[in-house]
Amino acid sequence: MKILMLVIAIGVIWVNSTPAQTRAIAEKIRRLEQRQVDYLLSGDVEAMERNWSPDYTVNNPFLHVVNAHHGPIHDRTLTYSSFKRDIERILVHNRTVFVMGSETVVPKDQSPDAGKTINRRFTDVWMYERGNWLLVARQASVVCSK
């Protein structure tokens, strides 16, 4: 009975996060987002994958929905010489975090649109699973020029 009460108490504390806990989670996610960019620019896909859920799914700017473990980043057919992410909002909802903002990227080498500056809008979804924050979904869309 005492164990059940402890489990319930921990659950209530987790669900009812304080503003300080919410800020701490948001800062953790902000750091993880920047690490993803750093790993991407350095070509360290294996390091990126450590923060990917097994079913991490991307609705990419090429109009395809793919499991990231089989997508162009993983296959290294999409690489970047520049990748700047501007996080505009982080929403913390218990064990799920939504990150939204804009990106300015320049693909390189044999990537589609190599050398062009591309502006995009993005949403990343993180979930706390098995003691880690993992990316579970991403959507990115190219912003059309006027």
Protein backbone atom coordinates (compact mmCIF):
# COMPACT_ATOMS: atom_id res chain seq x y z
CA MET A 1 0.00 0.00 0.00
CA LYS A 2 2.84 2.41 0.84
CA ILE A 3 4.47 1.70 -2.52
CA LEU A 4 1.21 2.43 -4.34
CA MET A 5 0.83 5.74 -2.47
CA LEU A 6 4.43 6.66 -3.38
CA VAL A 7 3.83 5.88 -7.06
CA ILE A 8 0.65 7.97 -7.07
CA ALA A 9 2.41 10.86 -5.33
CA ILE A 10 5.26 10.81 -7.88
CA GLY A 11 2.71 10.78 -10.70
CA VAL A 12 0.86 13.76 -9.26
CA ILE A 13 4.11 15.68 -8.84
CA TRP A 14 5.12 14.88 -12.45
CA VAL A 15 1.75 15.84 -13.93
CA ASN A 16 1.54 19.04 -11.90
CA SER A 17 4.98 20.43 -12.72
CA THR A 18 5.90 23.73 -11.16
CA PRO A 19 6.89 26.70 -13.31
CA ALA A 20 10.51 26.08 -12.28
CA GLN A 21 10.31 22.44 -13.43
CA THR A 22 8.71 23.53 -16.70
CA ARG A 23 11.50 26.07 -17.29
CA ALA A 24 14.14 23.43 -16.51
CA ILE A 25 12.58 20.99 -18.98
CA ALA A 26 12.35 23.71 -21.65
CA GLU A 27 16.04 24.58 -21.17
CA LYS A 28 17.01 20.89 -21.37
CA ILE A 29 15.08 20.56 -24.65
CA ARG A 30 16.64 23.78 -25.99
CA ARG A 31 20.10 22.26 -25.35
CA LEU A 32 19.08 18.97 -26.99
CA GLU A 33 17.77 20.85 -30.03
CA GLN A 34 21.10 22.68 -30.39
CA ARG A 35 23.02 19.41 -30.03
CA GLN A 36 20.96 17.95 -32.87
CA VAL A 37 22.02 20.89 -35.08
CA ASP A 38 25.67 20.60 -33.98
CA TYR A 39 25.73 16.84 -34.68
CA LEU A 40 24.03 17.38 -38.04
CA LEU A 41 26.61 19.96 -39.12
CA SER A 42 29.49 17.75 -38.01
CA GLY A 43 28.02 14.70 -39.76
CA ASP A 44 27.66 12.71 -36.53
CA VAL A 45 24.40 10.94 -37.34
CA GLU A 46 25.07 8.26 -34.71
CA ALA A 47 25.11 10.92 -31.99
CA MET A 48 21.88 12.40 -33.37
CA GLU A 49 20.20 8.99 -33.27
CA ARG A 50 20.83 8.65 -29.54
CA ASN A 51 18.04 11.21 -29.10
CA TRP A 52 15.67 9.59 -31.60
CA SER A 53 12.79 7.34 -30.62
CA PRO A 54 12.81 4.04 -32.56
CA ASP A 55 9.74 5.27 -34.45
CA TYR A 56 10.91 8.88 -34.89
CA THR A 57 8.90 10.06 -37.90
CA VAL A 58 9.61 13.12 -40.03
CA ASN A 59 7.19 14.94 -42.34
CA ASN A 60 10.02 16.43 -44.37
CA PRO A 61 10.18 19.43 -46.70
CA PHE A 62 10.37 17.04 -49.69
CA LEU A 63 6.72 16.07 -49.10
CA HIS A 64 7.52 12.65 -47.65
CA VAL A 65 6.68 11.15 -44.27
CA VAL A 66 9.55 8.85 -43.28
CA ASN A 67 10.97 7.02 -40.31
CA ALA A 68 14.07 9.13 -39.62
CA HIS A 69 16.17 5.97 -39.23
CA HIS A 70 15.63 5.39 -42.98
CA GLY A 71 15.48 9.01 -44.15
CA PRO A 72 17.91 11.28 -45.98
CA ILE A 73 19.71 12.52 -42.85
CA HIS A 74 20.40 8.95 -41.72
CA ASP A 75 21.43 7.92 -45.25
CA ARG A 76 23.62 11.04 -45.50
CA THR A 77 22.01 12.02 -48.80
CA LEU A 78 21.02 15.31 -47.16
CA THR A 79 23.84 17.32 -45.57
CA TYR A 80 24.17 20.99 -44.67
CA SER A 81 26.92 23.61 -44.73
CA SER A 82 24.77 25.90 -42.57
CA PHE A 83 21.81 25.27 -40.29
CA LYS A 84 20.43 28.00 -38.04
CA ARG A 85 17.41 27.24 -35.88
CA ASP A 86 15.38 29.96 -34.18
CA ILE A 87 13.18 28.46 -31.47
CA GLU A 88 10.15 30.67 -31.00
CA ARG A 89 8.12 28.58 -28.58
CA ILE A 90 8.59 25.56 -26.34
CA LEU A 91 5.42 24.05 -24.88
CA VAL A 92 5.85 21.57 -22.02
CA HIS A 93 2.92 19.20 -21.47
CA ASN A 94 3.95 16.64 -18.87
CA ARG A 95 6.07 14.05 -20.70
CA THR A 96 5.65 15.69 -24.12
CA VAL A 97 7.34 18.86 -25.37
CA PHE A 98 6.55 20.77 -28.57
CA VAL A 99 9.24 22.99 -30.12
CA MET A 100 8.25 25.47 -32.84
CA GLY A 101 10.11 28.03 -34.86
CA SER A 102 12.03 28.78 -38.03
CA GLU A 103 15.17 27.45 -39.67
CA THR A 104 17.52 28.85 -42.28
CA VAL A 105 19.54 26.12 -43.94
CA VAL A 106 22.01 25.71 -46.78
CA PRO A 107 22.27 22.16 -48.16
CA LYS A 108 25.66 21.03 -49.50
CA ASP A 109 27.34 18.44 -51.68
CA GLN A 110 24.87 16.25 -53.59
CA SER A 111 21.88 17.30 -51.45
CA PRO A 112 18.77 18.67 -53.18
CA ASP A 113 19.07 22.47 -53.58
CA ALA A 114 22.78 22.41 -52.67
CA GLY A 115 24.16 25.90 -52.13
CA LYS A 116 20.75 27.56 -51.87
CA THR A 117 19.57 29.32 -48.71
CA ILE A 118 16.23 27.84 -47.65
CA ASN A 119 13.87 29.24 -45.03
CA ARG A 120 11.62 26.76 -43.23
CA ARG A 121 9.10 26.51 -40.40
CA PHE A 122 9.41 23.50 -38.09
CA THR A 123 7.79 21.66 -35.22
CA ASP A 124 9.67 19.03 -33.21
CA VAL A 125 7.98 16.76 -30.68
CA TRP A 126 9.97 15.28 -27.77
CA MET A 127 8.74 12.69 -25.28
CA TYR A 128 10.23 11.52 -22.02
CA GLU A 129 10.68 7.76 -22.50
CA ARG A 130 12.65 5.32 -20.35
CA GLY A 131 14.54 8.10 -18.56
CA ASN A 132 15.45 10.11 -21.67
CA TRP A 133 14.02 12.88 -23.80
CA LEU A 134 13.64 11.51 -27.34
CA LEU A 135 12.49 13.04 -30.59
CA VAL A 136 9.32 11.25 -31.72
CA ALA A 137 8.06 13.50 -34.54
CA ARG A 138 9.14 16.40 -36.72
CA GLN A 139 7.49 18.49 -39.39
CA ALA A 140 9.37 20.98 -41.56
CA SER A 141 8.02 23.08 -44.44
CA VAL A 142 9.77 25.41 -46.83
CA VAL A 143 8.56 28.98 -46.63
CA CYS A 144 7.74 30.16 -50.15
CA SER A 145 9.22 33.44 -51.35
CA LYS A 146 6.81 36.21 -52.24
